[in-house]
């Protein structure tokens, strides 16, 4: 398993419920309220960024169906970006 650093923008129609869900899903995360929802920064362990992204968004959508996730997952010098479940590209981070 790899450790990934998550930076995500989450927008929702039900901020109270999503914040509670985030605290349960990623208890050590930095969760900051924004005009659109939340800015989340956390370290998570998993096989792939795609799996972690899918699991996080699925759990949030069980709470509020209209939740939107824009996420960047960094690990091992590579950053992978997602909009909801859709991969939006990856890049190699300069050292």
PDB file of N, CA and C in Angstrom:
ATOM      1  N   UNK A   1       0.834  -1.191   0.000  1.00  0.00           N
ATOM      2  CA  UNK A   1       0.000   0.000   0.000  1.00  0.00           C
ATOM      3  C   UNK A   1       0.871   1.243   0.000  1.00  0.00           C
ATOM      4  N   UNK A   2       0.410   2.234  -0.728  1.00  0.00           N
ATOM      5  CA  UNK A   2       1.114   3.512  -0.793  1.00  0.00           C
ATOM      6  C   UNK A   2       0.407   4.535   0.091  1.00  0.00           C
ATOM      7  N   UNK A   3       1.160   5.550   0.497  1.00  0.00           N
ATOM      8  CA  UNK A   3       0.566   6.687   1.187  1.00  0.00           C
ATOM      9  C   UNK A   3       0.379   7.799   0.172  1.00  0.00           C
ATOM     10  N   UNK A   4      -0.828   8.329   0.109  1.00  0.00           N
ATOM     11  CA  UNK A   4      -1.165   9.419  -0.799  1.00  0.00           C
ATOM     12  C   UNK A   4      -1.522  10.657   0.020  1.00  0.00           C
ATOM     13  N   UNK A   5      -1.122  11.812  -0.488  1.00  0.00           N
ATOM     14  CA  UNK A   5      -1.497  13.084   0.112  1.00  0.00           C
ATOM     15  C   UNK A   5      -2.656  13.637  -0.715  1.00  0.00           C
ATOM     16  N   UNK A   6      -3.785  13.819  -0.072  1.00  0.00           N
ATOM     17  CA  UNK A   6      -4.991  14.307  -0.719  1.00  0.00           C
ATOM     18  C   UNK A   6      -5.139  15.805  -0.490  1.00  0.00           C
ATOM     19  N   UNK A   7      -5.420  16.525  -1.574  1.00  0.00           N
ATOM     20  CA  UNK A   7      -5.864  17.913  -1.509  1.00  0.00           C
ATOM     21  C   UNK A   7      -7.142  17.958  -2.324  1.00  0.00           C
ATOM     22  N   UNK A   8      -8.258  18.311  -1.676  1.00  0.00           N
ATOM     23  CA  UNK A   8      -9.546  18.228  -2.364  1.00  0.00           C
ATOM     24  C   UNK A   8     -10.437  19.418  -2.061  1.00  0.00           C
ATOM     25  N   UNK A   9     -11.195  19.804  -3.072  1.00  0.00           N
ATOM     26  CA  UNK A   9     -12.280  20.776  -2.961  1.00  0.00           C
ATOM     27  C   UNK A   9     -13.578  19.976  -3.016  1.00  0.00           C
ATOM     28  N   UNK A  10     -14.399  20.093  -2.007  1.00  0.00           N
ATOM     29  CA  UNK A  10     -15.656  19.348  -1.960  1.00  0.00           C
ATOM     30  C   UNK A  10     -16.794  20.348  -1.871  1.00  0.00           C
ATOM     31  N   UNK A  11     -17.737  20.239  -2.807  1.00  0.00           N
ATOM     32  CA  UNK A  11     -18.925  21.092  -2.738  1.00  0.00           C
ATOM     33  C   UNK A  11     -20.147  20.208  -2.534  1.00  0.00           C
ATOM     34  N   UNK A  12     -21.125  20.752  -1.804  1.00  0.00           N
ATOM     35  CA  UNK A  12     -22.280  19.952  -1.401  1.00  0.00           C
ATOM     36  C   UNK A  12     -23.458  20.842  -1.058  1.00  0.00           C
ATOM     37  N   UNK A  13     -24.642  20.259  -1.074  1.00  0.00           N
ATOM     38  CA  UNK A  13     -25.848  20.958  -0.637  1.00  0.00           C
ATOM     39  C   UNK A  13     -26.120  20.742   0.850  1.00  0.00           C
ATOM     40  N   UNK A  14     -25.356  19.852   1.489  1.00  0.00           N
ATOM     41  CA  UNK A  14     -25.575  19.525   2.895  1.00  0.00           C
ATOM     42  C   UNK A  14     -24.237  19.546   3.645  1.00  0.00           C
ATOM     43  N   UNK A  15     -23.691  20.738   3.894  1.00  0.00           N
ATOM     44  CA  UNK A  15     -22.359  20.831   4.513  1.00  0.00           C
ATOM     45  C   UNK A  15     -22.243  20.176   5.886  1.00  0.00           C
ATOM     46  N   UNK A  16     -23.273  20.269   6.714  1.00  0.00           N
ATOM     47  CA  UNK A  16     -23.182  19.677   8.056  1.00  0.00           C
ATOM     48  C   UNK A  16     -22.981  18.168   7.984  1.00  0.00           C
ATOM     49  N   UNK A  17     -23.765  17.507   7.147  1.00  0.00           N
ATOM     50  CA  UNK A  17     -23.670  16.047   7.032  1.00  0.00           C
ATOM     51  C   UNK A  17     -22.345  15.632   6.403  1.00  0.00           C
ATOM     52  N   UNK A  18     -21.891  16.371   5.398  1.00  0.00           N
ATOM     53  CA  UNK A  18     -20.629  16.027   4.733  1.00  0.00           C
ATOM     54  C   UNK A  18     -19.449  16.245   5.672  1.00  0.00           C
ATOM     55  N   UNK A  19     -19.477  17.310   6.459  1.00  0.00           N
ATOM     56  CA  UNK A  19     -18.379  17.544   7.404  1.00  0.00           C
ATOM     57  C   UNK A  19     -18.290  16.407   8.418  1.00  0.00           C
ATOM     58  N   UNK A  20     -19.434  15.962   8.917  1.00  0.00           N
ATOM     59  CA  UNK A  20     -19.453  14.836   9.856  1.00  0.00           C
ATOM     60  C   UNK A  20     -18.897  13.575   9.194  1.00  0.00           C
ATOM     61  N   UNK A  21     -19.309  13.319   7.951  1.00  0.00           N
ATOM     62  CA  UNK A  21     -18.814  12.149   7.221  1.00  0.00           C
ATOM     63  C   UNK A  21     -17.307  12.245   6.998  1.00  0.00           C
ATOM     64  N   UNK A  22     -16.813  13.430   6.642  1.00  0.00           N
ATOM     65  CA  UNK A  22     -15.375  13.610   6.432  1.00  0.00           C
ATOM     66  C   UNK A  22     -14.587  13.331   7.710  1.00  0.00           C
ATOM     67  N   UNK A  23     -15.102  13.795   8.833  1.00  0.00           N
ATOM     68  CA  UNK A  23     -14.415  13.562  10.106  1.00  0.00           C
ATOM     69  C   UNK A  23     -14.342  12.076  10.433  1.00  0.00           C
ATOM     70  N   UNK A  24     -15.340  11.309  10.000  1.00  0.00           N
ATOM     71  CA  UNK A  24     -15.321   9.864  10.235  1.00  0.00           C
ATOM     72  C   UNK A  24     -14.433   9.147   9.221  1.00  0.00           C
ATOM     73  N   UNK A  25     -14.463   9.591   7.958  1.00  0.00           N
ATOM     74  CA  UNK A  25     -13.696   8.925   6.896  1.00  0.00           C
ATOM     75  C   UNK A  25     -12.204   9.206   6.994  1.00  0.00           C
ATOM     76  N   UNK A  26     -11.852  10.447   7.286  1.00  0.00           N
ATOM     77  CA  UNK A  26     -10.445  10.849   7.397  1.00  0.00           C
ATOM     78  C   UNK A  26     -10.265  11.676   8.675  1.00  0.00           C
ATOM     79  N   UNK A  27     -10.200  10.969   9.818  1.00  0.00           N
ATOM     80  CA  UNK A  27     -10.200  11.655  11.115  1.00  0.00           C
ATOM     81  C   UNK A  27      -9.026  12.610  11.336  1.00  0.00           C
ATOM     82  N   UNK A  28      -7.900  12.389  10.688  1.00  0.00           N
ATOM     83  CA  UNK A  28      -6.741  13.258  10.901  1.00  0.00           C
ATOM     84  C   UNK A  28      -6.610  14.325   9.822  1.00  0.00           C
ATOM     85  N   UNK A  29      -7.647  14.523   9.031  1.00  0.00           N
ATOM     86  CA  UNK A  29      -7.605  15.485   7.935  1.00  0.00           C
ATOM     87  C   UNK A  29      -7.732  16.920   8.436  1.00  0.00           C
ATOM     88  N   UNK A  30      -7.182  17.836   7.654  1.00  0.00           N
ATOM     89  CA  UNK A  30      -7.432  19.258   7.839  1.00  0.00           C
ATOM     90  C   UNK A  30      -8.665  19.572   6.987  1.00  0.00           C
ATOM     91  N   UNK A  31      -9.742  20.006   7.634  1.00  0.00           N
ATOM     92  CA  UNK A  31     -10.995  20.298   6.931  1.00  0.00           C
ATOM     93  C   UNK A  31     -11.319  21.765   7.169  1.00  0.00           C
ATOM     94  N   UNK A  32     -11.291  22.545   6.081  1.00  0.00           N
ATOM     95  CA  UNK A  32     -11.554  23.979   6.191  1.00  0.00           C
ATOM     96  C   UNK A  32     -12.797  24.336   5.384  1.00  0.00           C
ATOM     97  N   UNK A  33     -13.707  25.081   5.972  1.00  0.00           N
ATOM     98  CA  UNK A  33     -14.911  25.514   5.267  1.00  0.00           C
ATOM     99  C   UNK A  33     -14.552  26.582   4.238  1.00  0.00           C
ATOM    100  N   UNK A  34     -15.198  26.501   3.071  1.00  0.00           N
ATOM    101  CA  UNK A  34     -15.042  27.504   2.011  1.00  0.00           C
ATOM    102  C   UNK A  34     -16.443  27.929   1.572  1.00  0.00           C
ATOM    103  N   UNK A  35     -16.510  28.899   0.671  1.00  0.00           N
ATOM    104  CA  UNK A  35     -17.815  29.346   0.157  1.00  0.00           C
ATOM    105  C   UNK A  35     -18.551  28.214  -0.556  1.00  0.00           C
ATOM    106  N   UNK A  36     -17.804  27.339  -1.237  1.00  0.00           N
ATOM    107  CA  UNK A  36     -18.412  26.257  -2.012  1.00  0.00           C
ATOM    108  C   UNK A  36     -18.638  24.984  -1.194  1.00  0.00           C
ATOM    109  N   UNK A  37     -17.931  24.824  -0.096  1.00  0.00           N
ATOM    110  CA  UNK A  37     -18.030  23.590   0.685  1.00  0.00           C
ATOM    111  C   UNK A  37     -16.846  23.448   1.626  1.00  0.00           C
ATOM    112  N   UNK A  38     -15.876  22.601   1.212  1.00  0.00           N
ATOM    113  CA  UNK A  38     -14.723  22.339   2.076  1.00  0.00           C
ATOM    114  C   UNK A  38     -13.437  22.188   1.281  1.00  0.00           C
ATOM    115  N   UNK A  39     -12.333  22.557   1.913  1.00  0.00           N
ATOM    116  CA  UNK A  39     -10.995  22.261   1.412  1.00  0.00           C
ATOM    117  C   UNK A  39     -10.435  21.224   2.382  1.00  0.00           C
ATOM    118  N   UNK A  40     -10.062  20.067   1.841  1.00  0.00           N
ATOM    119  CA  UNK A  40      -9.612  18.956   2.674  1.00  0.00           C
ATOM    120  C   UNK A  40      -8.178  18.600   2.303  1.00  0.00           C
ATOM    121  N   UNK A  41      -7.339  18.435   3.322  1.00  0.00           N
ATOM    122  CA  UNK A  41      -5.964  17.960   3.137  1.00  0.00           C
ATOM    123  C   UNK A  41      -5.750  16.815   4.108  1.00  0.00           C
ATOM    124  N   UNK A  42      -5.279  15.683   3.555  1.00  0.00           N
ATOM    125  CA  UNK A  42      -5.122  14.501   4.402  1.00  0.00           C
ATOM    126  C   UNK A  42      -4.134  13.531   3.780  1.00  0.00           C
ATOM    127  N   UNK A  43      -3.617  12.642   4.599  1.00  0.00           N
ATOM    128  CA  UNK A  43      -2.806  11.520   4.130  1.00  0.00           C
ATOM    129  C   UNK A  43      -3.670  10.272   4.238  1.00  0.00           C
ATOM    130  N   UNK A  44      -3.695   9.493   3.158  1.00  0.00           N
ATOM    131  CA  UNK A  44      -4.487   8.256   3.157  1.00  0.00           C
ATOM    132  C   UNK A  44      -3.659   7.145   2.531  1.00  0.00           C
ATOM    133  N   UNK A  45      -3.921   5.910   2.955  1.00  0.00           N
ATOM    134  CA  UNK A  45      -3.193   4.764   2.419  1.00  0.00           C
ATOM    135  C   UNK A  45      -4.121   3.930   1.554  1.00  0.00           C
ATOM    136  N   UNK A  46      -3.577   3.470   0.400  1.00  0.00           N
ATOM    137  CA  UNK A  46      -4.354   2.633  -0.486  1.00  0.00           C
ATOM    138  C   UNK A  46      -3.512   2.124  -1.635  1.00  0.00           C
ATOM    139  N   UNK A  47      -4.112   1.277  -2.456  1.00  0.00           N
ATOM    140  CA  UNK A  47      -3.409   0.684  -3.598  1.00  0.00           C
ATOM    141  C   UNK A  47      -3.181   1.694  -4.714  1.00  0.00           C
ATOM    142  N   UNK A  48      -4.252   2.427  -5.082  1.00  0.00           N
ATOM    143  CA  UNK A  48      -4.144   3.413  -6.165  1.00  0.00           C
ATOM    144  C   UNK A  48      -4.935   4.665  -5.800  1.00  0.00           C
ATOM    145  N   UNK A  49      -4.571   5.775  -6.440  1.00  0.00           N
ATOM    146  CA  UNK A  49      -5.310   7.015  -6.236  1.00  0.00           C
ATOM    147  C   UNK A  49      -6.738   6.861  -6.736  1.00  0.00           C
ATOM    148  N   UNK A  50      -6.921   6.137  -7.817  1.00  0.00           N
ATOM    149  CA  UNK A  50      -8.262   5.925  -8.374  1.00  0.00           C
ATOM    150  C   UNK A  50      -9.168   5.213  -7.365  1.00  0.00           C
ATOM    151  N   UNK A  51      -8.645   4.188  -6.708  1.00  0.00           N
ATOM    152  CA  UNK A  51      -9.425   3.460  -5.698  1.00  0.00           C
ATOM    153  C   UNK A  51      -9.772   4.346  -4.504  1.00  0.00           C
ATOM    154  N   UNK A  52      -8.785   5.093  -4.025  1.00  0.00           N
ATOM    155  CA  UNK A  52      -9.029   5.980  -2.892  1.00  0.00           C
ATOM    156  C   UNK A  52     -10.060   7.042  -3.248  1.00  0.00           C
ATOM    157  N   UNK A  53      -9.932   7.608  -4.448  1.00  0.00           N
ATOM    158  CA  UNK A  53     -10.862   8.640  -4.901  1.00  0.00           C
ATOM    159  C   UNK A  53     -12.283   8.079  -4.995  1.00  0.00           C
ATOM    160  N   UNK A  54     -12.415   6.911  -5.608  1.00  0.00           N
ATOM    161  CA  UNK A  54     -13.729   6.274  -5.769  1.00  0.00           C
ATOM    162  C   UNK A  54     -14.354   5.966  -4.409  1.00  0.00           C
ATOM    163  N   UNK A  55     -13.573   5.412  -3.494  1.00  0.00           N
ATOM    164  CA  UNK A  55     -14.093   5.070  -2.169  1.00  0.00           C
ATOM    165  C   UNK A  55     -14.545   6.317  -1.401  1.00  0.00           C
ATOM    166  N   UNK A  56     -13.743   7.381  -1.471  1.00  0.00           N
ATOM    167  CA  UNK A  56     -14.089   8.620  -0.768  1.00  0.00           C
ATOM    168  C   UNK A  56     -15.361   9.234  -1.342  1.00  0.00           C
ATOM    169  N   UNK A  57     -15.427   9.376  -2.663  1.00  0.00           N
ATOM    170  CA  UNK A  57     -16.605   9.991  -3.275  1.00  0.00           C
ATOM    171  C   UNK A  57     -17.859   9.144  -3.066  1.00  0.00           C
ATOM    172  N   UNK A  58     -17.730   7.835  -3.179  1.00  0.00           N
ATOM    173  CA  UNK A  58     -18.891   6.962  -2.953  1.00  0.00           C
ATOM    174  C   UNK A  58     -19.427   7.111  -1.530  1.00  0.00           C
ATOM    175  N   UNK A  59     -18.532   7.171  -0.553  1.00  0.00           N
ATOM    176  CA  UNK A  59     -18.957   7.333   0.840  1.00  0.00           C
ATOM    177  C   UNK A  59     -19.638   8.687   1.051  1.00  0.00           C
ATOM    178  N   UNK A  60     -19.092   9.737   0.438  1.00  0.00           N
ATOM    179  CA  UNK A  60     -19.696  11.064   0.579  1.00  0.00           C
ATOM    180  C   UNK A  60     -21.049  11.127  -0.120  1.00  0.00           C
ATOM    181  N   UNK A  61     -21.175  10.471  -1.257  1.00  0.00           N
ATOM    182  CA  UNK A  61     -22.446  10.491  -1.991  1.00  0.00           C
ATOM    183  C   UNK A  61     -23.522   9.641  -1.323  1.00  0.00           C
ATOM    184  N   UNK A  62     -23.139   8.723  -0.461  1.00  0.00           N
ATOM    185  CA  UNK A  62     -24.143   8.005   0.324  1.00  0.00           C
ATOM    186  C   UNK A  62     -24.811   8.957   1.327  1.00  0.00           C
ATOM    187  N   UNK A  63     -24.068   9.995   1.721  1.00  0.00           N
ATOM    188  CA  UNK A  63     -24.585  10.993   2.651  1.00  0.00           C
ATOM    189  C   UNK A  63     -25.367  12.072   1.889  1.00  0.00           C
ATOM    190  N   UNK A  64     -24.804  12.584   0.802  1.00  0.00           N
ATOM    191  CA  UNK A  64     -25.430  13.630  -0.022  1.00  0.00           C
ATOM    192  C   UNK A  64     -25.115  13.353  -1.485  1.00  0.00           C
ATOM    193  N   UNK A  65     -26.141  12.986  -2.235  1.00  0.00           N
ATOM    194  CA  UNK A  65     -25.986  12.542  -3.617  1.00  0.00           C
ATOM    195  C   UNK A  65     -25.337  13.586  -4.522  1.00  0.00           C
ATOM    196  N   UNK A  66     -25.575  14.865  -4.270  1.00  0.00           N
ATOM    197  CA  UNK A  66     -25.074  15.912  -5.157  1.00  0.00           C
ATOM    198  C   UNK A  66     -23.686  16.433  -4.772  1.00  0.00           C
ATOM    199  N   UNK A  67     -22.962  15.703  -3.988  1.00  0.00           N
ATOM    200  CA  UNK A  67     -21.612  16.103  -3.599  1.00  0.00           C
ATOM    201  C   UNK A  67     -20.675  16.020  -4.808  1.00  0.00           C
ATOM    202  N   UNK A  68     -19.819  17.049  -4.946  1.00  0.00           N
ATOM    203  CA  UNK A  68     -18.843  17.108  -6.034  1.00  0.00           C
ATOM    204  C   UNK A  68     -17.443  17.112  -5.425  1.00  0.00           C
ATOM    205  N   UNK A  69     -16.564  16.288  -5.996  1.00  0.00           N
ATOM    206  CA  UNK A  69     -15.194  16.151  -5.495  1.00  0.00           C
ATOM    207  C   UNK A  69     -14.194  16.504  -6.586  1.00  0.00           C
ATOM    208  N   UNK A  70     -13.352  17.487  -6.311  1.00  0.00           N
ATOM    209  CA  UNK A  70     -12.213  17.818  -7.175  1.00  0.00           C
ATOM    210  C   UNK A  70     -10.969  17.511  -6.347  1.00  0.00           C
ATOM    211  N   UNK A  71     -10.228  16.489  -6.755  1.00  0.00           N
ATOM    212  CA  UNK A  71      -9.158  15.995  -5.887  1.00  0.00           C
ATOM    213  C   UNK A  71      -7.832  15.850  -6.610  1.00  0.00           C
ATOM    214  N   UNK A  72      -6.755  16.070  -5.860  1.00  0.00           N
ATOM    215  CA  UNK A  72      -5.390  15.763  -6.295  1.00  0.00           C
ATOM    216  C   UNK A  72      -4.809  14.795  -5.275  1.00  0.00           C
ATOM    217  N   UNK A  73      -4.242  13.696  -5.783  1.00  0.00           N
ATOM    218  CA  UNK A  73      -3.620  12.675  -4.944  1.00  0.00           C
ATOM    219  C   UNK A  73      -2.143  12.620  -5.311  1.00  0.00           C
ATOM    220  N   UNK A  74      -1.246  12.880  -4.339  1.00  0.00           N
ATOM    221  CA  UNK A  74       0.198  12.858  -4.575  1.00  0.00           C
ATOM    222  C   UNK A  74       0.839  11.674  -3.866  1.00  0.00           C
ATOM    223  N   UNK A  75       1.718  10.986  -4.604  1.00  0.00           N
ATOM    224  CA  UNK A  75       2.488   9.894  -4.002  1.00  0.00           C
ATOM    225  C   UNK A  75       3.678   9.589  -4.892  1.00  0.00           C
ATOM    226  N   UNK A  76       4.832   9.384  -4.274  1.00  0.00           N
ATOM    227  CA  UNK A  76       6.013   8.946  -4.998  1.00  0.00           C
ATOM    228  C   UNK A  76       6.392   9.825  -6.174  1.00  0.00           C
ATOM    229  N   UNK A  77       6.257  11.130  -6.038  1.00  0.00           N
ATOM    230  CA  UNK A  77       6.664  12.032  -7.112  1.00  0.00           C
ATOM    231  C   UNK A  77       5.649  12.175  -8.230  1.00  0.00           C
ATOM    232  N   UNK A  78       4.439  11.677  -8.043  1.00  0.00           N
ATOM    233  CA  UNK A  78       3.406  11.754  -9.073  1.00  0.00           C
ATOM    234  C   UNK A  78       2.131  12.332  -8.472  1.00  0.00           C
ATOM    235  N   UNK A  79       1.464  13.216  -9.224  1.00  0.00           N
ATOM    236  CA  UNK A  79       0.182  13.788  -8.814  1.00  0.00           C
ATOM    237  C   UNK A  79      -0.881  13.363  -9.811  1.00  0.00           C
ATOM    238  N   UNK A  80      -1.994  12.840  -9.290  1.00  0.00           N
ATOM    239  CA  UNK A  80      -3.122  12.432 -10.133  1.00  0.00           C
ATOM    240  C   UNK A  80      -4.330  13.281  -9.754  1.00  0.00           C
ATOM    241  N   UNK A  81      -4.987  13.851 -10.784  1.00  0.00           N
ATOM    242  CA  UNK A  81      -6.140  14.717 -10.552  1.00  0.00           C
ATOM    243  C   UNK A  81      -7.431  14.024 -10.983  1.00  0.00           C
ATOM    244  N   UNK A  82      -8.517  14.307 -10.237  1.00  0.00           N
ATOM    245  CA  UNK A  82      -9.832  13.726 -10.535  1.00  0.00           C
ATOM    246  C   UNK A  82     -10.909  14.786 -10.382  1.00  0.00           C
ATOM    247  N   UNK A  83     -11.925  14.706 -11.232  1.00  0.00           N
ATOM    248  CA  UNK A  83     -13.159  15.457 -11.060  1.00  0.00           C
ATOM    249  C   UNK A  83     -14.237  14.406 -10.872  1.00  0.00           C
ATOM    250  N   UNK A  84     -14.795  14.331  -9.666  1.00  0.00           N
ATOM    251  CA  UNK A  84     -15.686  13.243  -9.289  1.00  0.00           C
ATOM    252  C   UNK A  84     -14.953  11.918  -9.531  1.00  0.00           C
ATOM    253  N   UNK A  85     -15.513  11.017 -10.335  1.00  0.00           N
ATOM    254  CA  UNK A  85     -14.854   9.727 -10.578  1.00  0.00           C
ATOM    255  C   UNK A  85     -13.909   9.757 -11.768  1.00  0.00           C
ATOM    256  N   UNK A  86     -13.876  10.866 -12.500  1.00  0.00           N
ATOM    257  CA  UNK A  86     -13.175  10.926 -13.786  1.00  0.00           C
ATOM    258  C   UNK A  86     -11.727  11.391 -13.609  1.00  0.00           C
ATOM    259  N   UNK A  87     -10.755  10.590 -14.065  1.00  0.00           N
ATOM    260  CA  UNK A  87      -9.356  11.038 -14.029  1.00  0.00           C
ATOM    261  C   UNK A  87      -9.164  12.216 -14.980  1.00  0.00           C
ATOM    262  N   UNK A  88      -8.462  13.236 -14.526  1.00  0.00           N
ATOM    263  CA  UNK A  88      -8.218  14.427 -15.340  1.00  0.00           C
ATOM    264  C   UNK A  88      -6.740  14.623 -15.641  1.00  0.00           C
ATOM    265  N   UNK A  89      -5.965  13.574 -15.484  1.00  0.00           N
ATOM    266  CA  UNK A  89      -4.558  13.655 -15.841  1.00  0.00           C
ATOM    267  C   UNK A  89      -3.649  13.442 -14.653  1.00  0.00           C
ATOM    268  N   UNK A  90      -2.395  13.223 -14.983  1.00  0.00           N
ATOM    269  CA  UNK A  90      -1.373  13.057 -13.951  1.00  0.00           C
ATOM    270  C   UNK A  90      -0.109  13.759 -14.412  1.00  0.00           C
ATOM    271  N   UNK A  91       0.744  14.055 -13.461  1.00  0.00           N
ATOM    272  CA  UNK A  91       2.016  14.682 -13.784  1.00  0.00           C
ATOM    273  C   UNK A  91       3.080  14.201 -12.816  1.00  0.00           C
ATOM    274  N   UNK A  92       4.299  14.231 -13.295  1.00  0.00           N
ATOM    275  CA  UNK A  92       5.446  13.891 -12.453  1.00  0.00           C
ATOM    276  C   UNK A  92       5.875  15.183 -11.747  1.00  0.00           C
ATOM    277  N   UNK A  93       6.002  15.123 -10.445  1.00  0.00           N
ATOM    278  CA  UNK A  93       6.393  16.297  -9.667  1.00  0.00           C
ATOM    279  C   UNK A  93       7.899  16.515  -9.766  1.00  0.00           C
ATOM    280  N   UNK A  94       8.320  17.764  -9.955  1.00  0.00           N
ATOM    281  CA  UNK A  94       9.767  18.037  -9.954  1.00  0.00           C
ATOM    282  C   UNK A  94      10.361  17.778  -8.579  1.00  0.00           C
ATOM    283  N   UNK A  95      11.596  17.327  -8.557  1.00  0.00           N
ATOM    284  CA  UNK A  95      12.220  17.000  -7.279  1.00  0.00           C
ATOM    285  C   UNK A  95      12.906  18.178  -6.674  1.00  0.00           C
TER     286      UNK A  95
END
